[in-house]
Amino acid sequence: METGRYIAVLVILSLVPKSLSKSIIQISSENHRSAASDPISDGRRSRNAEDLYCDSWRFSVEINDAGTWRQIPARCQEYVKEYMTGDRFWSDSDVAAGCALAFANTVEVTGNGKDAWIFDIDETLLSNVPYYAAHGFGSETFDENSFDEWVDTAEAPALPASLKLYKEVQQMGFTIFLLTGRDESQRNATVKNLLFAGYRNWERLILRGPSDLGKPAIVYKSEKRKELEDEGYTIHGSSGDQWSDLSGFSTASRSFKLPNPMYYIA
C-alpha cells in the first residue's frame, strides 16, 4: 500500500506544471522550517527549540563531531544542569557501564594478572558535579586554582554505575589501573577521595609527573598505556569521559565513553 501511494504521488506531480510543482515543494519546505523555529505566545515552542538544539549539541559533543570546544553554549546552561542532575545522565551512565560489563564477560581472563582494565578518574569514577554546580556546569571559564581546591577536599562522590562496573571487573580478575590527568601533588587527596567513594585494590594510580606536565592528554595517556603494554599487560578495556582518555595509540581492545557535556580535554 505504501509503495502504491508513493507511485500515485509521483504520477500526480508529473501531471502538474513544473512551475506549480516547484511552488508546492517550496511551500512545504518553508512551512516545515517555520513550524520548528517560530515561537508561540506561551513560550513552549521556544523552550522546546532550545532543548532540541542543546540535545543535538550534546550529541555532537559525545560523538566528537564538535571537536575542540572551550565552554558550553550559554543558552544550554540550564539544559546541561538538568541533564547532569537528572535521570537521563544516570541512565546514560548505566547503559555505558552495562556495555562495558557485557564486553568484559566475553574476555577470557588468563589469571596471570596481565589482563588490564583502565579507568579515568574525574567524571568517570568520581563526579565533580558538586564543583561544577557552583561554576555554571561548564558555562564559566575553567579556573584551575578553584578546581584544585575542590580536589583537595577529597569529597567527590562516586559515579554509581562506574563503582559497580569497577567492582565487577575486579571480581572477574582484571588488573585495574587508574590513569588520570591529575598531577603527583594531588596523589594523597586523590587516594583519600577514591577510598572515601568506595574504590579499593587498584594495581596502580598513574598521575602526571614532572615530565608529563604540559603534554596534551591524548599524548600523555597514550604513552602511559604503551608503558603498561611494554610491561606485558594486555589492555582489554578502558573507561573514560573524554575522547582523549580513550584515543591515540596503545588503545584498549574496547573503549567506553561516559557522558560529559560540561567540558572538553584535548
C-alpha atoms as a PDB file:
ATOM      1  CA  MET A   1       0.000   0.000   0.000  1.00  0.00           C
ATOM      2  CA  GLU A   2       2.758   2.489   0.887  1.00  0.00           C
ATOM      3  CA  THR A   3       4.531   1.791  -2.410  1.00  0.00           C
ATOM      4  CA  GLY A   4       1.297   2.357  -4.268  1.00  0.00           C
ATOM      5  CA  ARG A   5       0.730   5.709  -2.587  1.00  0.00           C
ATOM      6  CA  TYR A   6       4.283   6.782  -3.388  1.00  0.00           C
ATOM      7  CA  ILE A   7       3.808   5.933  -7.072  1.00  0.00           C
ATOM      8  CA  ALA A   8       0.473   7.750  -7.106  1.00  0.00           C
ATOM      9  CA  VAL A   9       2.080  10.905  -5.712  1.00  0.00           C
ATOM     10  CA  LEU A  10       4.784  10.768  -8.370  1.00  0.00           C
ATOM     11  CA  VAL A  11       2.159  10.393 -11.084  1.00  0.00           C
ATOM     12  CA  ILE A  12       0.185  13.376  -9.765  1.00  0.00           C
ATOM     13  CA  LEU A  13       3.307  15.541  -9.570  1.00  0.00           C
ATOM     14  CA  SER A  14       4.226  14.569 -13.132  1.00  0.00           C
ATOM     15  CA  LEU A  15       0.863  15.962 -14.308  1.00  0.00           C
ATOM     16  CA  VAL A  16       1.331  19.279 -12.523  1.00  0.00           C
ATOM     17  CA  PRO A  17       3.107  22.081 -14.430  1.00  0.00           C
ATOM     18  CA  LYS A  18       6.739  22.394 -13.375  1.00  0.00           C
ATOM     19  CA  SER A  19       6.310  25.940 -12.066  1.00  0.00           C
ATOM     20  CA  LEU A  20       3.389  24.890  -9.864  1.00  0.00           C
ATOM     21  CA  SER A  21       5.050  21.699  -8.608  1.00  0.00           C
ATOM     22  CA  LYS A  22       8.143  23.737  -7.668  1.00  0.00           C
ATOM     23  CA  SER A  23       5.950  26.118  -5.671  1.00  0.00           C
ATOM     24  CA  ILE A  24       4.295  23.209  -3.868  1.00  0.00           C
ATOM     25  CA  ILE A  25       7.689  21.868  -2.806  1.00  0.00           C
ATOM     26  CA  GLN A  26       8.898  25.306  -1.672  1.00  0.00           C
ATOM     27  CA  ILE A  27       5.787  25.946   0.386  1.00  0.00           C
ATOM     28  CA  SER A  28       6.143  22.579   2.115  1.00  0.00           C
ATOM     29  CA  SER A  29       9.781  23.275   2.999  1.00  0.00           C
ATOM     30  CA  GLU A  30       9.082  26.779   4.285  1.00  0.00           C
ATOM     31  CA  ASN A  31       6.203  25.576   6.431  1.00  0.00           C
ATOM     32  CA  HIS A  32       8.437  22.916   7.939  1.00  0.00           C
ATOM     33  CA  ARG A  33      11.100  25.450   8.898  1.00  0.00           C
ATOM     34  CA  SER A  34       8.671  27.886  10.429  1.00  0.00           C
ATOM     35  CA  ALA A  35       6.993  25.187  12.494  1.00  0.00           C
ATOM     36  CA  ALA A  36      10.342  24.251  14.021  1.00  0.00           C
ATOM     37  CA  SER A  37      11.634  27.753  14.719  1.00  0.00           C
ATOM     38  CA  ASP A  38       8.760  30.227  15.236  1.00  0.00           C
ATOM     39  CA  PRO A  39       7.986  30.872  18.922  1.00  0.00           C
ATOM     40  CA  ILE A  40       4.392  30.892  20.087  1.00  0.00           C
ATOM     41  CA  SER A  41       2.881  33.144  22.680  1.00  0.00           C
ATOM     42  CA  ASP A  42       3.191  30.828  25.683  1.00  0.00           C
ATOM     43  CA  GLY A  43       6.894  30.198  25.053  1.00  0.00           C
ATOM     44  CA  ARG A  44       6.608  26.427  24.961  1.00  0.00           C
ATOM     45  CA  ARG A  45       7.776  26.018  21.390  1.00  0.00           C
ATOM     46  CA  SER A  46      10.680  28.403  22.027  1.00  0.00           C
ATOM     47  CA  ARG A  47      11.713  26.365  25.080  1.00  0.00           C
ATOM     48  CA  ASN A  48      11.381  23.131  23.137  1.00  0.00           C
ATOM     49  CA  ALA A  49      13.520  24.565  20.340  1.00  0.00           C
ATOM     50  CA  GLU A  50      16.228  25.438  22.874  1.00  0.00           C
ATOM     51  CA  ASP A  51      16.115  21.962  24.387  1.00  0.00           C
ATOM     52  CA  LEU A  52      16.221  20.396  20.934  1.00  0.00           C
ATOM     53  CA  TYR A  53      19.255  22.465  19.956  1.00  0.00           C
ATOM     54  CA  CYS A  54      21.083  21.672  23.211  1.00  0.00           C
ATOM     55  CA  ASP A  55      20.265  17.976  22.962  1.00  0.00           C
ATOM     56  CA  SER A  56      21.694  17.942  19.434  1.00  0.00           C
ATOM     57  CA  TRP A  57      24.724  19.917  20.616  1.00  0.00           C
ATOM     58  CA  ARG A  58      25.313  17.362  23.376  1.00  0.00           C
ATOM     59  CA  PHE A  59      25.061  14.555  20.821  1.00  0.00           C
ATOM     60  CA  SER A  60      27.705  16.232  18.636  1.00  0.00           C
ATOM     61  CA  VAL A  61      29.958  16.551  21.681  1.00  0.00           C
ATOM     62  CA  GLU A  62      29.607  12.917  22.705  1.00  0.00           C
ATOM     63  CA  ILE A  63      30.399  11.548  19.241  1.00  0.00           C
ATOM     64  CA  ASN A  64      33.243  14.097  18.890  1.00  0.00           C
ATOM     65  CA  ASP A  65      31.758  15.888  15.883  1.00  0.00           C
ATOM     66  CA  ALA A  66      32.132  19.165  17.802  1.00  0.00           C
ATOM     67  CA  GLY A  67      35.892  18.760  18.023  1.00  0.00           C
ATOM     68  CA  THR A  68      37.736  21.129  20.355  1.00  0.00           C
ATOM     69  CA  TRP A  69      35.475  23.396  22.390  1.00  0.00           C
ATOM     70  CA  ARG A  70      36.050  25.560  25.475  1.00  0.00           C
ATOM     71  CA  GLN A  71      32.687  26.236  27.122  1.00  0.00           C
ATOM     72  CA  ILE A  72      29.137  25.041  26.780  1.00  0.00           C
ATOM     73  CA  PRO A  73      26.853  27.389  24.816  1.00  0.00           C
ATOM     74  CA  ALA A  74      25.394  29.987  27.182  1.00  0.00           C
ATOM     75  CA  ARG A  75      21.906  29.076  26.000  1.00  0.00           C
ATOM     76  CA  CYS A  76      22.474  25.478  27.159  1.00  0.00           C
ATOM     77  CA  GLN A  77      23.446  26.131  30.774  1.00  0.00           C
ATOM     78  CA  GLU A  78      20.040  25.168  32.143  1.00  0.00           C
ATOM     79  CA  TYR A  79      19.865  22.164  29.836  1.00  0.00           C
ATOM     80  CA  VAL A  80      23.262  20.851  30.971  1.00  0.00           C
ATOM     81  CA  LYS A  81      22.316  21.434  34.600  1.00  0.00           C
ATOM     82  CA  GLU A  82      19.092  19.459  34.176  1.00  0.00           C
ATOM     83  CA  TYR A  83      20.918  16.708  32.291  1.00  0.00           C
ATOM     84  CA  MET A  84      23.759  16.301  34.787  1.00  0.00           C
ATOM     85  CA  THR A  85      21.432  16.272  37.787  1.00  0.00           C
ATOM     86  CA  GLY A  86      18.619  14.271  36.215  1.00  0.00           C
ATOM     87  CA  ASP A  87      17.606  10.740  35.336  1.00  0.00           C
ATOM     88  CA  ARG A  88      18.892  10.958  31.757  1.00  0.00           C
ATOM     89  CA  PHE A  89      22.519  11.227  32.888  1.00  0.00           C
ATOM     90  CA  TRP A  90      22.170   8.300  35.267  1.00  0.00           C
ATOM     91  CA  SER A  91      20.502   6.222  32.562  1.00  0.00           C
ATOM     92  CA  ASP A  92      23.205   7.053  30.002  1.00  0.00           C
ATOM     93  CA  SER A  93      25.895   6.171  32.542  1.00  0.00           C
ATOM     94  CA  ASP A  94      24.176   2.884  33.377  1.00  0.00           C
ATOM     95  CA  VAL A  95      23.976   1.928  29.701  1.00  0.00           C
ATOM     96  CA  ALA A  96      27.666   2.769  29.107  1.00  0.00           C
ATOM     97  CA  ALA A  97      28.689   0.692  32.125  1.00  0.00           C
ATOM     98  CA  GLY A  98      26.387  -2.123  31.025  1.00  0.00           C
ATOM     99  CA  CYS A  99      28.008  -2.236  27.588  1.00  0.00           C
ATOM    100  CA  ALA A 100      31.437  -2.343  29.224  1.00  0.00           C
ATOM    101  CA  LEU A 101      30.403  -5.182  31.507  1.00  0.00           C
ATOM    102  CA  ALA A 102      28.908  -7.125  28.600  1.00  0.00           C
ATOM    103  CA  PHE A 103      32.239  -6.882  26.791  1.00  0.00           C
ATOM    104  CA  ALA A 104      34.202  -7.824  29.928  1.00  0.00           C
ATOM    105  CA  ASN A 105      32.158 -11.017  30.119  1.00  0.00           C
ATOM    106  CA  THR A 106      33.442 -12.047  26.679  1.00  0.00           C
ATOM    107  CA  VAL A 107      37.117 -11.765  27.675  1.00  0.00           C
ATOM    108  CA  GLU A 108      38.938 -14.928  28.659  1.00  0.00           C
ATOM    109  CA  VAL A 109      40.879 -13.689  31.673  1.00  0.00           C
ATOM    110  CA  THR A 110      44.109 -15.666  31.865  1.00  0.00           C
ATOM    111  CA  GLY A 111      44.602 -15.393  35.609  1.00  0.00           C
ATOM    112  CA  ASN A 112      48.232 -14.315  35.263  1.00  0.00           C
ATOM    113  CA  GLY A 113      47.461 -10.759  36.374  1.00  0.00           C
ATOM    114  CA  LYS A 114      48.236  -9.279  32.975  1.00  0.00           C
ATOM    115  CA  ASP A 115      44.653  -8.685  31.814  1.00  0.00           C
ATOM    116  CA  ALA A 116      44.170  -4.969  32.383  1.00  0.00           C
ATOM    117  CA  TRP A 117      41.291  -2.520  32.573  1.00  0.00           C
ATOM    118  CA  ILE A 118      41.994   1.207  32.734  1.00  0.00           C
ATOM    119  CA  PHE A 119      39.755   3.783  34.385  1.00  0.00           C
ATOM    120  CA  ASP A 120      39.993   7.553  34.184  1.00  0.00           C
ATOM    121  CA  ILE A 121      39.034   9.306  37.433  1.00  0.00           C
ATOM    122  CA  ASP A 122      37.290  12.674  37.006  1.00  0.00           C
ATOM    123  CA  GLU A 123      33.756  12.248  35.626  1.00  0.00           C
ATOM    124  CA  THR A 124      34.482   8.534  35.272  1.00  0.00           C
ATOM    125  CA  LEU A 125      34.983   7.116  38.757  1.00  0.00           C
ATOM    126  CA  LEU A 126      34.386  10.361  40.649  1.00  0.00           C
ATOM    127  CA  SER A 127      31.768  13.014  39.932  1.00  0.00           C
ATOM    128  CA  ASN A 128      32.723  16.686  40.150  1.00  0.00           C
ATOM    129  CA  VAL A 129      29.141  17.826  39.702  1.00  0.00           C
ATOM    130  CA  PRO A 130      29.137  19.440  43.185  1.00  0.00           C
ATOM    131  CA  TYR A 131      32.000  21.655  41.994  1.00  0.00           C
ATOM    132  CA  TYR A 132      30.502  22.448  38.588  1.00  0.00           C
ATOM    133  CA  ALA A 133      27.119  23.201  40.152  1.00  0.00           C
ATOM    134  CA  ALA A 134      28.808  26.232  41.697  1.00  0.00           C
ATOM    135  CA  HIS A 135      30.525  27.121  38.411  1.00  0.00           C
ATOM    136  CA  GLY A 136      27.768  27.120  35.834  1.00  0.00           C
ATOM    137  CA  PHE A 137      28.038  23.462  34.780  1.00  0.00           C
ATOM    138  CA  GLY A 138      30.773  24.354  32.296  1.00  0.00           C
ATOM    139  CA  SER A 139      29.447  27.741  31.194  1.00  0.00           C
ATOM    140  CA  GLU A 140      32.236  29.556  33.076  1.00  0.00           C
ATOM    141  CA  THR A 141      35.895  29.721  32.102  1.00  0.00           C
ATOM    142  CA  PHE A 142      37.741  26.915  33.855  1.00  0.00           C
ATOM    143  CA  ASP A 143      39.590  28.091  36.966  1.00  0.00           C
ATOM    144  CA  GLU A 144      42.381  25.645  37.750  1.00  0.00           C
ATOM    145  CA  ASN A 145      43.037  27.074  41.222  1.00  0.00           C
ATOM    146  CA  SER A 146      39.459  26.716  42.414  1.00  0.00           C
ATOM    147  CA  PHE A 147      39.244  23.213  40.945  1.00  0.00           C
ATOM    148  CA  ASP A 148      42.456  22.203  42.722  1.00  0.00           C
ATOM    149  CA  GLU A 149      40.937  23.450  45.968  1.00  0.00           C
ATOM    150  CA  TRP A 150      37.931  21.227  45.300  1.00  0.00           C
ATOM    151  CA  VAL A 151      40.205  18.238  44.637  1.00  0.00           C
ATOM    152  CA  ASP A 152      41.935  18.837  47.951  1.00  0.00           C
ATOM    153  CA  THR A 153      38.635  18.441  49.811  1.00  0.00           C
ATOM    154  CA  ALA A 154      38.543  14.783  48.619  1.00  0.00           C
ATOM    155  CA  GLU A 155      34.746  14.850  48.718  1.00  0.00           C
ATOM    156  CA  ALA A 156      33.785  13.990  45.128  1.00  0.00           C
ATOM    157  CA  PRO A 157      31.172  11.211  45.186  1.00  0.00           C
ATOM    158  CA  ALA A 158      31.428   8.001  43.200  1.00  0.00           C
ATOM    159  CA  LEU A 159      29.513   7.568  39.978  1.00  0.00           C
ATOM    160  CA  PRO A 160      27.306   4.600  40.979  1.00  0.00           C
ATOM    161  CA  ALA A 161      27.390   2.898  37.566  1.00  0.00           C
ATOM    162  CA  SER A 162      31.177   3.144  37.448  1.00  0.00           C
ATOM    163  CA  LEU A 163      31.603   1.881  41.009  1.00  0.00           C
ATOM    164  CA  LYS A 164      29.503  -1.155  40.143  1.00  0.00           C
ATOM    165  CA  LEU A 165      31.493  -1.790  36.945  1.00  0.00           C
ATOM    166  CA  TYR A 166      34.774  -1.325  38.811  1.00  0.00           C
ATOM    167  CA  LYS A 167      33.850  -3.959  41.371  1.00  0.00           C
ATOM    168  CA  GLU A 168      32.518  -6.358  38.733  1.00  0.00           C
ATOM    169  CA  VAL A 169      35.617  -6.320  36.505  1.00  0.00           C
ATOM    170  CA  GLN A 170      37.808  -6.590  39.574  1.00  0.00           C
ATOM    171  CA  GLN A 171      35.951  -9.717  40.671  1.00  0.00           C
ATOM    172  CA  MET A 172      36.377 -11.139  37.160  1.00  0.00           C
ATOM    173  CA  GLY A 173      40.138 -10.980  37.569  1.00  0.00           C
ATOM    174  CA  PHE A 174      41.079  -7.853  35.646  1.00  0.00           C
ATOM    175  CA  THR A 175      44.024  -5.865  36.960  1.00  0.00           C
ATOM    176  CA  ILE A 176      42.861  -2.277  37.411  1.00  0.00           C
ATOM    177  CA  PHE A 177      44.895   0.783  36.577  1.00  0.00           C
ATOM    178  CA  LEU A 178      43.754   4.330  37.279  1.00  0.00           C
ATOM    179  CA  LEU A 179      45.080   6.805  34.729  1.00  0.00           C
ATOM    180  CA  THR A 180      44.295  10.435  35.465  1.00  0.00           C
ATOM    181  CA  GLY A 181      45.287  13.885  34.270  1.00  0.00           C
ATOM    182  CA  ARG A 182      45.771  14.986  37.861  1.00  0.00           C
ATOM    183  CA  ASP A 183      49.406  15.517  38.863  1.00  0.00           C
ATOM    184  CA  GLU A 184      51.568  13.953  41.554  1.00  0.00           C
ATOM    185  CA  SER A 185      50.954  16.798  44.007  1.00  0.00           C
ATOM    186  CA  GLN A 186      47.334  15.594  44.206  1.00  0.00           C
ATOM    187  CA  ARG A 187      48.112  11.933  44.900  1.00  0.00           C
ATOM    188  CA  ASN A 188      47.224  11.937  48.607  1.00  0.00           C
ATOM    189  CA  ALA A 189      43.947  13.805  48.082  1.00  0.00           C
ATOM    190  CA  THR A 190      43.057  11.536  45.152  1.00  0.00           C
ATOM    191  CA  VAL A 191      43.706   8.340  47.101  1.00  0.00           C
ATOM    192  CA  LYS A 192      41.736   9.687  50.050  1.00  0.00           C
ATOM    193  CA  ASN A 193      38.813  10.574  47.783  1.00  0.00           C
ATOM    194  CA  LEU A 194      38.829   7.216  45.973  1.00  0.00           C
ATOM    195  CA  LEU A 195      38.742   5.339  49.277  1.00  0.00           C
ATOM    196  CA  PHE A 196      36.022   7.658  50.573  1.00  0.00           C
ATOM    197  CA  ALA A 197      33.957   6.910  47.451  1.00  0.00           C
ATOM    198  CA  GLY A 198      34.319   3.140  47.800  1.00  0.00           C
ATOM    199  CA  TYR A 199      37.140   2.212  45.418  1.00  0.00           C
ATOM    200  CA  ARG A 200      39.709  -0.307  46.607  1.00  0.00           C
ATOM    201  CA  ASN A 201      42.584  -2.524  45.492  1.00  0.00           C
ATOM    202  CA  TRP A 202      43.669  -0.911  42.229  1.00  0.00           C
ATOM    203  CA  GLU A 203      47.054  -2.037  40.946  1.00  0.00           C
ATOM    204  CA  ARG A 204      48.459   1.415  40.219  1.00  0.00           C
ATOM    205  CA  LEU A 205      47.343   5.037  40.307  1.00  0.00           C
ATOM    206  CA  ILE A 206      49.093   6.889  37.471  1.00  0.00           C
ATOM    207  CA  LEU A 207      49.310  10.685  37.715  1.00  0.00           C
ATOM    208  CA  ARG A 208      51.242  13.262  35.716  1.00  0.00           C
ATOM    209  CA  GLY A 209      54.863  13.513  36.763  1.00  0.00           C
ATOM    210  CA  PRO A 210      57.159  16.484  36.051  1.00  0.00           C
ATOM    211  CA  SER A 211      57.964  15.189  32.539  1.00  0.00           C
ATOM    212  CA  ASP A 212      54.252  14.856  31.727  1.00  0.00           C
ATOM    213  CA  LEU A 213      53.232  18.404  32.575  1.00  0.00           C
ATOM    214  CA  GLY A 214      52.121  20.363  29.528  1.00  0.00           C
ATOM    215  CA  LYS A 215      51.545  17.312  27.352  1.00  0.00           C
ATOM    216  CA  PRO A 216      48.133  17.013  25.669  1.00  0.00           C
ATOM    217  CA  ALA A 217      46.054  14.416  27.500  1.00  0.00           C
ATOM    218  CA  ILE A 218      45.832  12.181  24.441  1.00  0.00           C
ATOM    219  CA  VAL A 219      49.644  12.015  24.222  1.00  0.00           C
ATOM    220  CA  TYR A 220      50.237  11.583  27.954  1.00  0.00           C
ATOM    221  CA  LYS A 221      47.652   8.821  28.324  1.00  0.00           C
ATOM    222  CA  SER A 222      48.781   7.013  25.187  1.00  0.00           C
ATOM    223  CA  GLU A 223      52.360   6.991  26.476  1.00  0.00           C
ATOM    224  CA  LYS A 224      51.269   5.572  29.831  1.00  0.00           C
ATOM    225  CA  ARG A 225      49.254   2.836  28.123  1.00  0.00           C
ATOM    226  CA  LYS A 226      52.288   1.979  26.000  1.00  0.00           C
ATOM    227  CA  GLU A 227      54.379   1.633  29.148  1.00  0.00           C
ATOM    228  CA  LEU A 228      51.843  -0.857  30.525  1.00  0.00           C
ATOM    229  CA  GLU A 229      51.932  -2.839  27.290  1.00  0.00           C
ATOM    230  CA  ASP A 230      55.728  -2.872  27.465  1.00  0.00           C
ATOM    231  CA  GLU A 231      55.379  -4.403  30.941  1.00  0.00           C
ATOM    232  CA  GLY A 232      53.387  -7.241  29.383  1.00  0.00           C
ATOM    233  CA  TYR A 233      49.844  -6.121  30.153  1.00  0.00           C
ATOM    234  CA  THR A 234      47.021  -6.609  27.676  1.00  0.00           C
ATOM    235  CA  ILE A 235      44.639  -3.668  27.884  1.00  0.00           C
ATOM    236  CA  HIS A 236      41.244  -5.187  27.240  1.00  0.00           C
ATOM    237  CA  GLY A 237      39.010  -2.337  28.391  1.00  0.00           C
ATOM    238  CA  SER A 238      39.222   1.363  29.051  1.00  0.00           C
ATOM    239  CA  SER A 239      36.609   3.685  30.539  1.00  0.00           C
ATOM    240  CA  GLY A 240      36.718   7.478  30.384  1.00  0.00           C
ATOM    241  CA  ASP A 241      34.592  10.563  29.856  1.00  0.00           C
ATOM    242  CA  GLN A 242      36.877  12.219  27.273  1.00  0.00           C
ATOM    243  CA  TRP A 243      37.928  11.014  23.848  1.00  0.00           C
ATOM    244  CA  SER A 244      41.482  11.884  24.894  1.00  0.00           C
ATOM    245  CA  ASP A 245      41.142   9.234  27.635  1.00  0.00           C
ATOM    246  CA  LEU A 246      40.488   6.575  25.021  1.00  0.00           C
ATOM    247  CA  SER A 247      42.109   7.566  21.722  1.00  0.00           C
ATOM    248  CA  GLY A 248      45.677   7.839  20.464  1.00  0.00           C
ATOM    249  CA  PHE A 249      47.947   4.790  20.419  1.00  0.00           C
ATOM    250  CA  SER A 250      48.188   1.645  22.551  1.00  0.00           C
ATOM    251  CA  THR A 251      44.413   1.803  22.901  1.00  0.00           C
ATOM    252  CA  ALA A 252      42.290  -0.823  24.618  1.00  0.00           C
ATOM    253  CA  SER A 253      40.592  -3.623  22.734  1.00  0.00           C
ATOM    254  CA  ARG A 254      37.349  -1.852  23.567  1.00  0.00           C
ATOM    255  CA  SER A 255      36.900   1.668  24.915  1.00  0.00           C
ATOM    256  CA  PHE A 256      33.788   3.001  26.611  1.00  0.00           C
ATOM    257  CA  LYS A 257      32.962   6.693  26.828  1.00  0.00           C
ATOM    258  CA  LEU A 258      30.867   8.040  29.673  1.00  0.00           C
ATOM    259  CA  PRO A 259      28.700  11.121  29.101  1.00  0.00           C
ATOM    260  CA  ASN A 260      30.150  14.546  29.896  1.00  0.00           C
ATOM    261  CA  PRO A 261      28.799  17.699  28.230  1.00  0.00           C
ATOM    262  CA  MET A 262      30.405  20.020  30.821  1.00  0.00           C
ATOM    263  CA  TYR A 263      33.947  20.274  29.462  1.00  0.00           C
ATOM    264  CA  TYR A 264      36.391  19.049  26.829  1.00  0.00           C
ATOM    265  CA  ILE A 265      40.025  17.979  27.279  1.00  0.00           C
ATOM    266  CA  ALA A 266      42.215  17.513  24.207  1.00  0.00           C
END
